[in-house]
Amino acid sequence: MTKIDHPHVIKLYEIFEDNRYLYLVMEECSGGELFDRIIERINAQKMFTEKEAALMFKQMMSAICYCHAAGICHRDLKPENLLFLGKESDSPLKVIDFGLSRIFQKDDHKMSTKVGTAYYVSPEVLLGNYDEKCDIWSAGVILYILLCGDPPFNGANDNEIYRKIQAKKYSFPSPKWDKVSNDAKDLIKHMLCDPDKRYTAEEVLKHTWVNNLAPNSPEVVLNLNTDSMKNYTNSNKLKKAVLTFIASRLKEDDIKELKEIFMNLDKNKDGTLTLEEIKEGIEQLKDSNINAEEIFKSIDTDASGVINYTEFLAATIDKKVYLKEERLYEAFKAFDTDSSGKISSQEIIKIMKADKSDADAIENMVKKFDINGDGEIDYNEFIFMMSKVEI
């Protein structure tokens, strides 16, 4: 502990000794055990998302990678030995309890003492011939539990659990694993396997699921609000232009989830979405009322053949986000180019660079929402137009 200095390993500040006791003064972690948070999620029937699991797992693995590089094998990794620094949901995770840890030598570091906890112990530890990769097995078990709430090797007693561990047979049963990405399953397979095939801690950290925090998790796409997309498809060109204006000025906090969905849909990571990428994402939603081609054409407002980030945001932002008064007022002022307090057809045509065919449609649209009949759209009429679902 005096040798370790890592942000995700608990700090040992001071050591005092008297005739009876040894006192260890350590960093205070008031957030409780990862074990308790897992139990809370199981009881609430809402397990961690892959993003949440990946963030915690990456912290733990960075600590293990550091320890292994320093010649330290933990030998008792389990959720009870992972503490949160604070009670916040995104609090940093700390590896604790090095009571069974062992300093090993790089050239010859086989260990033989059978230590650890039933669910998490590796098969080679049970045989009494192992190295630091026993920690990788334990971490793989923790990851499996984070994603589904069940241990991969279970039994009525320790001996039954040990038999299953030695057989190295586990599965990803439906329905709990149906929505878990293949990346996560691939990583687990490379951790819960024979030691000679098992990843090192460094290799685990380089795996795309850890390094990029579950980039291909289907659950991210499942959070997409299809109603917003459908309403956008039915919107007139002015409303789409206003939504694009608002979307281009949204703060990161307002679009954090939509940003994740966009990144997830963008398979080739070129910063735009193709029709095929949209189709693939919509397939995950299993919504038969969505026409991918129609949605794509509607969102691609500049007819570039791809959907850029702002176009995507404009089509998917939630109504309660864009209907905030300060956002609508800012948009209204941007379209009211002569500051008259009203938006005319000519102002809309100029801003949108509309051709003659669009100009006629814009004239008709202004007439539709020009409630007082003065030939222009004032602020109240503008608010009414933006609040209508299908226009």
Protein backbone atom coordinates (compact mmCIF):
# COMPACT_ATOMS: atom_id res chain seq x y z
CA MET A 1 0.00 0.00 0.00
CA THR A 2 2.89 2.40 0.66
CA LYS A 3 4.16 1.78 -2.87
CA ILE A 4 0.83 2.31 -4.64
CA ASP A 5 -0.14 5.74 -5.97
CA HIS A 6 -3.12 5.54 -8.31
CA PRO A 7 -6.42 7.50 -8.55
CA HIS A 8 -8.50 4.32 -8.38
CA VAL A 9 -6.68 2.60 -5.52
CA ILE A 10 -7.49 3.66 -1.96
CA LYS A 11 -4.74 5.80 -0.39
CA LEU A 12 -2.84 4.83 2.74
CA TYR A 13 -1.82 8.05 4.52
CA GLU A 14 -0.23 7.03 7.81
CA ILE A 15 0.70 3.96 9.85
CA PHE A 16 0.81 3.93 13.68
CA GLU A 17 1.69 1.05 15.96
CA ASP A 18 1.39 0.49 19.69
CA ASN A 19 1.80 -2.60 21.89
CA ARG A 20 -1.57 -4.02 20.88
CA TYR A 21 -2.62 -2.62 17.47
CA LEU A 22 -1.46 -1.52 14.05
CA TYR A 23 -3.38 1.56 12.88
CA LEU A 24 -3.84 2.30 9.17
CA VAL A 25 -5.05 5.82 8.34
CA MET A 26 -6.67 5.59 4.92
CA GLU A 27 -8.62 7.70 2.47
CA GLU A 28 -12.30 8.04 3.42
CA CYS A 29 -14.75 6.51 0.95
CA SER A 30 -18.30 7.39 1.97
CA GLY A 31 -20.09 6.03 -1.12
CA GLY A 32 -20.34 2.41 0.00
CA GLU A 33 -19.50 -0.82 -1.80
CA LEU A 34 -20.13 -1.62 -5.44
CA PHE A 35 -21.82 -4.76 -4.06
CA ASP A 36 -24.54 -2.63 -2.40
CA ARG A 37 -25.21 -0.69 -5.59
CA ILE A 38 -25.53 -3.93 -7.54
CA ILE A 39 -28.11 -5.18 -5.02
CA GLU A 40 -30.01 -1.87 -5.32
CA ARG A 41 -30.13 -2.25 -9.10
CA ILE A 42 -31.26 -5.90 -8.86
CA ASN A 43 -34.06 -4.94 -6.45
CA ALA A 44 -35.12 -2.09 -8.74
CA GLN A 45 -34.98 -4.49 -11.72
CA LYS A 46 -32.84 -1.99 -13.60
CA MET A 47 -29.26 -3.12 -14.09
CA PHE A 48 -26.45 -0.79 -15.06
CA THR A 49 -26.37 0.35 -18.65
CA GLU A 50 -23.34 -0.76 -20.63
CA LYS A 51 -22.03 2.82 -20.50
CA GLU A 52 -22.31 2.89 -16.71
CA ALA A 53 -20.72 -0.54 -16.38
CA ALA A 54 -17.91 0.31 -18.81
CA LEU A 55 -17.04 3.50 -16.90
CA MET A 56 -16.77 1.65 -13.55
CA PHE A 57 -15.00 -1.31 -15.11
CA LYS A 58 -12.42 0.90 -16.84
CA GLN A 59 -11.57 2.53 -13.51
CA MET A 60 -11.13 -0.83 -11.82
CA MET A 61 -9.02 -2.22 -14.68
CA SER A 62 -6.77 0.84 -14.79
CA ALA A 63 -6.01 0.19 -11.10
CA ILE A 64 -5.35 -3.53 -11.74
CA CYS A 65 -3.15 -2.76 -14.74
CA TYR A 66 -1.14 -0.37 -12.56
CA CYS A 67 -0.81 -2.93 -9.77
CA HIS A 68 0.30 -5.70 -12.14
CA ALA A 69 2.91 -3.39 -13.69
CA ALA A 70 4.18 -2.72 -10.16
CA GLY A 71 4.39 -6.49 -9.45
CA ILE A 72 1.32 -6.63 -7.19
CA CYS A 73 -1.44 -9.23 -7.57
CA HIS A 74 -4.62 -8.37 -5.63
CA ARG A 75 -6.02 -11.95 -5.41
CA ASP A 76 -9.40 -10.99 -3.94
CA LEU A 77 -11.18 -8.79 -6.45
CA LYS A 78 -14.94 -8.68 -5.79
CA PRO A 79 -17.67 -5.99 -5.59
CA GLU A 80 -17.26 -5.82 -1.80
CA ASN A 81 -13.65 -4.68 -2.35
CA LEU A 82 -14.59 -1.82 -4.65
CA LEU A 83 -15.69 1.36 -2.85
CA PHE A 84 -17.16 4.61 -4.19
CA LEU A 85 -15.43 7.77 -3.05
CA GLY A 86 -18.77 9.56 -2.55
CA LYS A 87 -22.49 8.93 -2.77
CA GLU A 88 -22.90 10.52 -6.22
CA SER A 89 -23.98 8.19 -9.03
CA ASP A 90 -20.81 9.02 -10.98
CA SER A 91 -18.46 8.87 -8.00
CA PRO A 92 -14.95 7.48 -8.68
CA LEU A 93 -14.38 3.83 -7.80
CA LYS A 94 -11.51 2.71 -5.54
CA VAL A 95 -9.95 -0.76 -5.23
CA ILE A 96 -9.48 -1.62 -1.54
CA ASP A 97 -8.43 -4.48 0.77
CA PHE A 98 -4.99 -5.70 -0.20
CA GLY A 99 -5.02 -8.18 2.71
CA LEU A 100 -4.56 -11.17 0.38
CA SER A 101 -2.39 -9.39 -2.18
CA ARG A 102 1.03 -10.67 -3.12
CA ILE A 103 4.16 -9.07 -4.56
CA PHE A 104 5.40 -11.19 -7.44
CA GLN A 105 8.54 -11.27 -9.57
CA LYS A 106 8.36 -10.88 -13.33
CA ASP A 107 10.61 -13.84 -14.14
CA ASP A 108 9.06 -16.48 -11.87
CA HIS A 109 5.84 -15.49 -10.19
CA LYS A 110 3.69 -18.59 -9.96
CA MET A 111 1.64 -18.59 -6.79
CA SER A 112 0.11 -21.57 -4.99
CA THR A 113 -1.88 -20.36 -1.96
CA LYS A 114 -5.59 -20.98 -2.48
CA VAL A 115 -7.16 -17.63 -1.63
CA GLY A 116 -10.11 -15.57 -2.83
CA THR A 117 -13.91 -15.68 -2.68
CA ALA A 118 -16.01 -18.48 -4.15
CA TYR A 119 -17.85 -16.69 -6.99
CA TYR A 120 -14.77 -14.81 -8.20
CA VAL A 121 -11.87 -17.24 -7.77
CA SER A 122 -10.20 -18.48 -10.95
CA PRO A 123 -9.89 -22.20 -11.85
CA GLU A 124 -6.09 -22.11 -11.70
CA VAL A 125 -6.19 -20.71 -8.15
CA LEU A 126 -8.28 -23.74 -7.16
CA LEU A 127 -5.52 -25.93 -8.64
CA GLY A 128 -2.84 -24.03 -6.69
CA ASN A 129 -0.75 -22.92 -9.69
CA TYR A 130 -1.40 -19.40 -10.94
CA ASP A 131 -0.08 -15.92 -11.72
CA GLU A 132 -1.48 -12.38 -11.71
CA LYS A 133 -3.98 -13.28 -14.43
CA CYS A 134 -6.20 -14.66 -11.67
CA ASP A 135 -7.21 -11.00 -11.16
CA ILE A 136 -8.39 -10.80 -14.77
CA TRP A 137 -10.71 -13.78 -14.23
CA SER A 138 -12.17 -12.15 -11.11
CA ALA A 139 -12.66 -8.88 -13.00
CA GLY A 140 -14.45 -10.79 -15.77
CA VAL A 141 -16.87 -12.23 -13.23
CA ILE A 142 -17.51 -8.73 -11.84
CA LEU A 143 -18.21 -7.44 -15.35
CA TYR A 144 -20.64 -10.29 -16.02
CA ILE A 145 -22.53 -9.47 -12.81
CA LEU A 146 -22.61 -5.73 -13.59
CA LEU A 147 -24.34 -6.40 -16.90
CA CYS A 148 -26.98 -8.92 -15.80
CA GLY A 149 -27.09 -9.15 -11.99
CA ASP A 150 -26.22 -12.86 -11.85
CA PRO A 151 -22.84 -14.56 -11.38
CA PRO A 152 -21.62 -16.67 -14.33
CA PHE A 153 -20.85 -19.58 -11.99
CA ASN A 154 -23.52 -20.22 -9.37
CA GLY A 155 -24.43 -23.05 -7.02
CA ALA A 156 -26.08 -24.08 -3.77
CA ASN A 157 -22.72 -24.16 -1.96
CA ASP A 158 -19.05 -23.34 -2.49
CA ASN A 159 -18.14 -26.81 -3.73
CA GLU A 160 -20.81 -26.69 -6.44
CA ILE A 161 -19.60 -23.24 -7.49
CA TYR A 162 -15.99 -24.50 -7.61
CA ARG A 163 -16.99 -27.41 -9.86
CA LYS A 164 -18.65 -25.04 -12.32
CA ILE A 165 -15.64 -22.70 -12.26
CA GLN A 166 -13.27 -25.56 -13.02
CA ALA A 167 -15.49 -26.63 -15.93
CA LYS A 168 -15.26 -23.02 -17.27
CA LYS A 169 -18.76 -23.33 -18.70
CA TYR A 170 -21.04 -20.31 -18.66
CA SER A 171 -23.56 -18.74 -21.03
CA PHE A 172 -25.33 -15.48 -21.91
CA PRO A 173 -28.96 -16.49 -21.32
CA SER A 174 -31.94 -14.72 -22.86
CA PRO A 175 -33.60 -12.31 -22.20
CA LYS A 176 -31.09 -10.60 -19.89
CA TRP A 177 -28.27 -10.72 -22.42
CA ASP A 178 -30.30 -9.97 -25.56
CA LYS A 179 -29.67 -6.23 -25.33
CA VAL A 180 -25.98 -6.52 -24.40
CA SER A 181 -23.53 -5.75 -27.19
CA ASN A 182 -21.33 -8.38 -28.80
CA ASP A 183 -18.33 -6.26 -27.76
CA ALA A 184 -19.11 -6.85 -24.07
CA LYS A 185 -19.60 -10.58 -24.61
CA ASP A 186 -16.35 -10.79 -26.57
CA LEU A 187 -14.45 -9.13 -23.73
CA ILE A 188 -15.92 -11.50 -21.14
CA LYS A 189 -14.96 -14.50 -23.31
CA HIS A 190 -11.36 -13.25 -23.33
CA MET A 191 -11.35 -12.91 -19.54
CA LEU A 192 -13.18 -16.07 -18.44
CA CYS A 193 -10.96 -18.54 -20.28
CA ASP A 194 -7.70 -20.50 -19.89
CA PRO A 195 -4.79 -18.39 -18.56
CA ASP A 196 -2.72 -18.79 -21.74
CA LYS A 197 -5.60 -17.33 -23.80
CA ARG A 198 -6.70 -14.80 -21.23
CA TYR A 199 -6.14 -11.09 -21.78
CA THR A 200 -3.63 -9.19 -19.69
CA ALA A 201 -4.89 -6.12 -17.83
CA GLU A 202 -3.34 -3.93 -20.53
CA GLU A 203 -5.13 -5.86 -23.29
CA VAL A 204 -8.45 -5.50 -21.43
CA LEU A 205 -7.99 -1.72 -21.31
CA LYS A 206 -7.27 -1.65 -25.05
CA HIS A 207 -10.45 -3.57 -25.91
CA THR A 208 -12.92 -1.31 -27.72
CA TRP A 209 -15.68 -1.91 -25.14
CA VAL A 210 -13.46 -0.54 -22.36
CA ASN A 211 -11.39 1.98 -24.28
CA ASN A 212 -14.38 3.60 -25.99
CA LEU A 213 -16.91 2.95 -23.18
CA ALA A 214 -19.29 0.52 -24.89
CA PRO A 215 -19.50 2.34 -28.25
CA ASN A 216 -21.76 -0.26 -29.89
CA SER A 217 -24.22 -0.79 -27.07
CA PRO A 218 -27.69 -1.22 -28.62
CA GLU A 219 -29.33 0.16 -25.47
CA VAL A 220 -28.07 3.63 -26.45
CA VAL A 221 -30.09 3.56 -29.66
CA LEU A 222 -33.10 2.21 -27.77
CA ASN A 223 -33.30 5.56 -25.93
CA LEU A 224 -34.04 7.36 -29.19
CA ASN A 225 -37.42 9.11 -29.11
CA THR A 226 -39.10 7.95 -32.33
CA ASP A 227 -42.07 10.28 -31.80
CA SER A 228 -39.76 13.29 -32.21
CA MET A 229 -38.49 11.88 -35.50
CA LYS A 230 -42.01 11.20 -36.77
CA ASN A 231 -43.19 14.69 -35.79
CA TYR A 232 -40.17 16.23 -37.48
CA THR A 233 -41.03 14.37 -40.70
CA ASN A 234 -44.50 15.93 -40.60
CA SER A 235 -43.22 19.44 -39.88
CA ASN A 236 -43.17 22.32 -42.36
CA LYS A 237 -39.91 23.76 -43.64
CA LEU A 238 -39.96 26.79 -41.35
CA LYS A 239 -40.32 24.65 -38.23
CA LYS A 240 -37.46 22.44 -39.43
CA ALA A 241 -35.32 25.53 -40.00
CA VAL A 242 -36.16 26.84 -36.52
CA LEU A 243 -35.35 23.47 -34.94
CA THR A 244 -32.03 23.40 -36.82
CA PHE A 245 -31.26 26.90 -35.51
CA ILE A 246 -32.07 25.84 -31.93
CA ALA A 247 -30.16 22.55 -32.26
CA SER A 248 -27.01 24.34 -33.43
CA ARG A 249 -27.00 26.38 -30.21
CA LEU A 250 -27.85 23.74 -27.62
CA LYS A 251 -25.42 23.21 -24.74
CA GLU A 252 -23.67 19.90 -24.18
CA ASP A 253 -25.80 19.10 -21.12
CA ASP A 254 -29.01 19.32 -23.20
CA ILE A 255 -27.83 16.88 -25.87
CA LYS A 256 -25.58 14.49 -23.97
CA GLU A 257 -27.80 11.46 -24.61
CA LEU A 258 -28.50 12.38 -28.23
CA LYS A 259 -24.77 12.80 -28.81
CA GLU A 260 -24.21 9.24 -27.55
CA ILE A 261 -26.95 7.92 -29.85
CA PHE A 262 -25.46 9.76 -32.84
CA MET A 263 -21.99 8.38 -32.11
CA ASN A 264 -23.46 4.91 -31.75
CA LEU A 265 -25.34 5.11 -35.05
CA ASP A 266 -22.26 6.46 -36.84
CA LYS A 267 -20.60 3.09 -37.39
CA ASN A 268 -17.73 4.28 -39.60
CA LYS A 269 -17.13 7.31 -37.32
CA ASP A 270 -17.05 9.82 -40.19
CA GLY A 271 -19.31 12.30 -38.39
CA THR A 272 -22.35 11.77 -40.63
CA LEU A 273 -25.14 9.21 -40.88
CA THR A 274 -25.90 7.34 -44.09
CA LEU A 275 -29.22 5.74 -44.99
CA GLU A 276 -27.78 2.32 -44.15
CA GLU A 277 -26.67 3.50 -40.69
CA ILE A 278 -30.14 4.96 -40.05
CA LYS A 279 -31.76 1.70 -41.21
CA GLU A 280 -29.52 -0.35 -38.91
CA GLY A 281 -30.39 1.84 -35.93
CA ILE A 282 -34.13 1.77 -36.66
CA GLU A 283 -34.03 -2.04 -36.88
CA GLN A 284 -32.86 -2.11 -33.25
CA LEU A 285 -35.89 -0.02 -32.24
CA LYS A 286 -38.28 -2.65 -33.67
CA ASP A 287 -40.83 0.07 -34.48
CA SER A 288 -42.77 -1.05 -37.54
CA ASN A 289 -44.32 2.41 -37.96
CA ILE A 290 -41.00 4.00 -38.95
CA ASN A 291 -40.14 4.32 -42.63
CA ALA A 292 -36.34 4.64 -42.74
CA GLU A 293 -36.21 6.14 -46.24
CA GLU A 294 -38.88 8.72 -45.42
CA ILE A 295 -37.21 9.63 -42.12
CA PHE A 296 -33.80 9.95 -43.80
CA LYS A 297 -35.07 12.17 -46.61
CA SER A 298 -36.90 14.39 -44.15
CA ILE A 299 -33.91 14.84 -41.82
CA ASP A 300 -31.44 15.44 -44.66
CA THR A 301 -32.68 19.01 -45.07
CA ASP A 302 -29.73 20.17 -47.19
CA ALA A 303 -30.14 17.14 -49.53
CA SER A 304 -26.45 16.23 -49.14
CA GLY A 305 -27.14 12.49 -49.12
CA VAL A 306 -26.02 12.16 -45.48
CA ILE A 307 -27.35 13.43 -42.16
CA ASN A 308 -24.96 15.71 -40.28
CA TYR A 309 -24.89 16.13 -36.50
CA THR A 310 -27.03 19.28 -36.31
CA GLU A 311 -29.65 17.83 -38.69
CA PHE A 312 -29.86 14.76 -36.43
CA LEU A 313 -30.25 16.90 -33.29
CA ALA A 314 -32.94 19.03 -34.93
CA ALA A 315 -34.98 15.91 -35.71
CA THR A 316 -34.58 14.24 -32.33
CA ILE A 317 -34.53 16.93 -29.63
CA ASP A 318 -37.32 16.60 -27.14
CA LYS A 319 -40.21 19.05 -27.25
CA LYS A 320 -39.57 20.25 -23.71
CA VAL A 321 -36.02 21.19 -24.74
CA TYR A 322 -36.87 23.32 -27.78
CA LEU A 323 -40.07 24.86 -26.33
CA LYS A 324 -38.15 26.74 -23.63
CA GLU A 325 -39.07 30.39 -24.03
CA GLU A 326 -35.51 31.74 -24.19
CA ARG A 327 -34.66 29.36 -27.06
CA LEU A 328 -37.79 30.19 -29.04
CA TYR A 329 -37.28 33.92 -28.52
CA GLU A 330 -33.68 33.70 -29.73
CA ALA A 331 -34.84 31.80 -32.83
CA PHE A 332 -37.67 34.28 -33.45
CA LYS A 333 -35.24 37.20 -33.32
CA ALA A 334 -32.91 35.43 -35.77
CA PHE A 335 -35.74 35.04 -38.31
CA ASP A 336 -37.11 38.55 -37.67
CA THR A 337 -34.22 40.11 -39.61
CA ASP A 338 -35.67 43.65 -39.69
CA SER A 339 -36.52 43.59 -35.95
CA SER A 340 -40.14 44.51 -36.65
CA GLY A 341 -41.48 42.00 -34.12
CA LYS A 342 -42.96 39.94 -36.94
CA ILE A 343 -41.67 37.41 -39.48
CA SER A 344 -42.68 37.94 -43.09
CA SER A 345 -42.71 35.47 -45.97
CA GLN A 346 -39.84 37.40 -47.59
CA GLU A 347 -37.68 37.08 -44.45
CA ILE A 348 -38.29 33.32 -44.33
CA ILE A 349 -37.59 32.91 -48.07
CA LYS A 350 -34.34 34.89 -47.76
CA ILE A 351 -33.05 33.02 -44.68
CA MET A 352 -33.94 29.61 -46.10
CA LYS A 353 -32.72 30.54 -49.61
CA ALA A 354 -35.94 29.06 -50.93
CA ASP A 355 -36.61 28.58 -54.64
CA LYS A 356 -39.92 29.52 -56.32
CA SER A 357 -41.67 26.22 -55.53
CA ASP A 358 -40.72 26.53 -51.87
CA ALA A 359 -41.71 30.19 -51.85
CA ASP A 360 -45.33 29.34 -52.63
CA ALA A 361 -45.37 26.75 -49.83
CA ILE A 362 -43.93 29.32 -47.41
CA GLU A 363 -46.60 31.87 -48.39
CA ASN A 364 -49.31 29.29 -47.66
CA MET A 365 -47.69 28.34 -44.37
CA VAL A 366 -47.60 31.96 -43.21
CA LYS A 367 -51.28 32.30 -44.08
CA LYS A 368 -52.04 29.16 -42.07
CA PHE A 369 -50.47 30.51 -38.86
CA ASP A 370 -51.22 34.19 -39.39
CA ILE A 371 -54.11 34.10 -36.93
CA ASN A 372 -54.78 37.87 -36.87
CA GLY A 373 -54.59 38.11 -40.68
CA ASP A 374 -51.93 40.85 -40.95
CA GLY A 375 -49.85 38.83 -43.44
CA GLU A 376 -46.97 38.10 -41.04
CA ILE A 377 -46.22 35.79 -38.08
CA ASP A 378 -45.88 37.55 -34.74
CA TYR A 379 -44.26 36.01 -31.66
CA ASN A 380 -47.45 34.46 -30.24
CA GLU A 381 -48.30 32.94 -33.63
CA PHE A 382 -44.72 31.67 -33.86
CA ILE A 383 -45.03 29.98 -30.44
CA PHE A 384 -48.32 28.39 -31.49
CA MET A 385 -46.73 27.02 -34.67
CA MET A 386 -43.78 25.51 -32.78
CA SER A 387 -46.01 23.93 -30.14
CA LYS A 388 -48.20 22.09 -32.65
CA VAL A 389 -47.24 18.42 -33.05
CA GLU A 390 -48.01 18.01 -36.75
CA ILE A 391 -47.75 21.09 -38.94
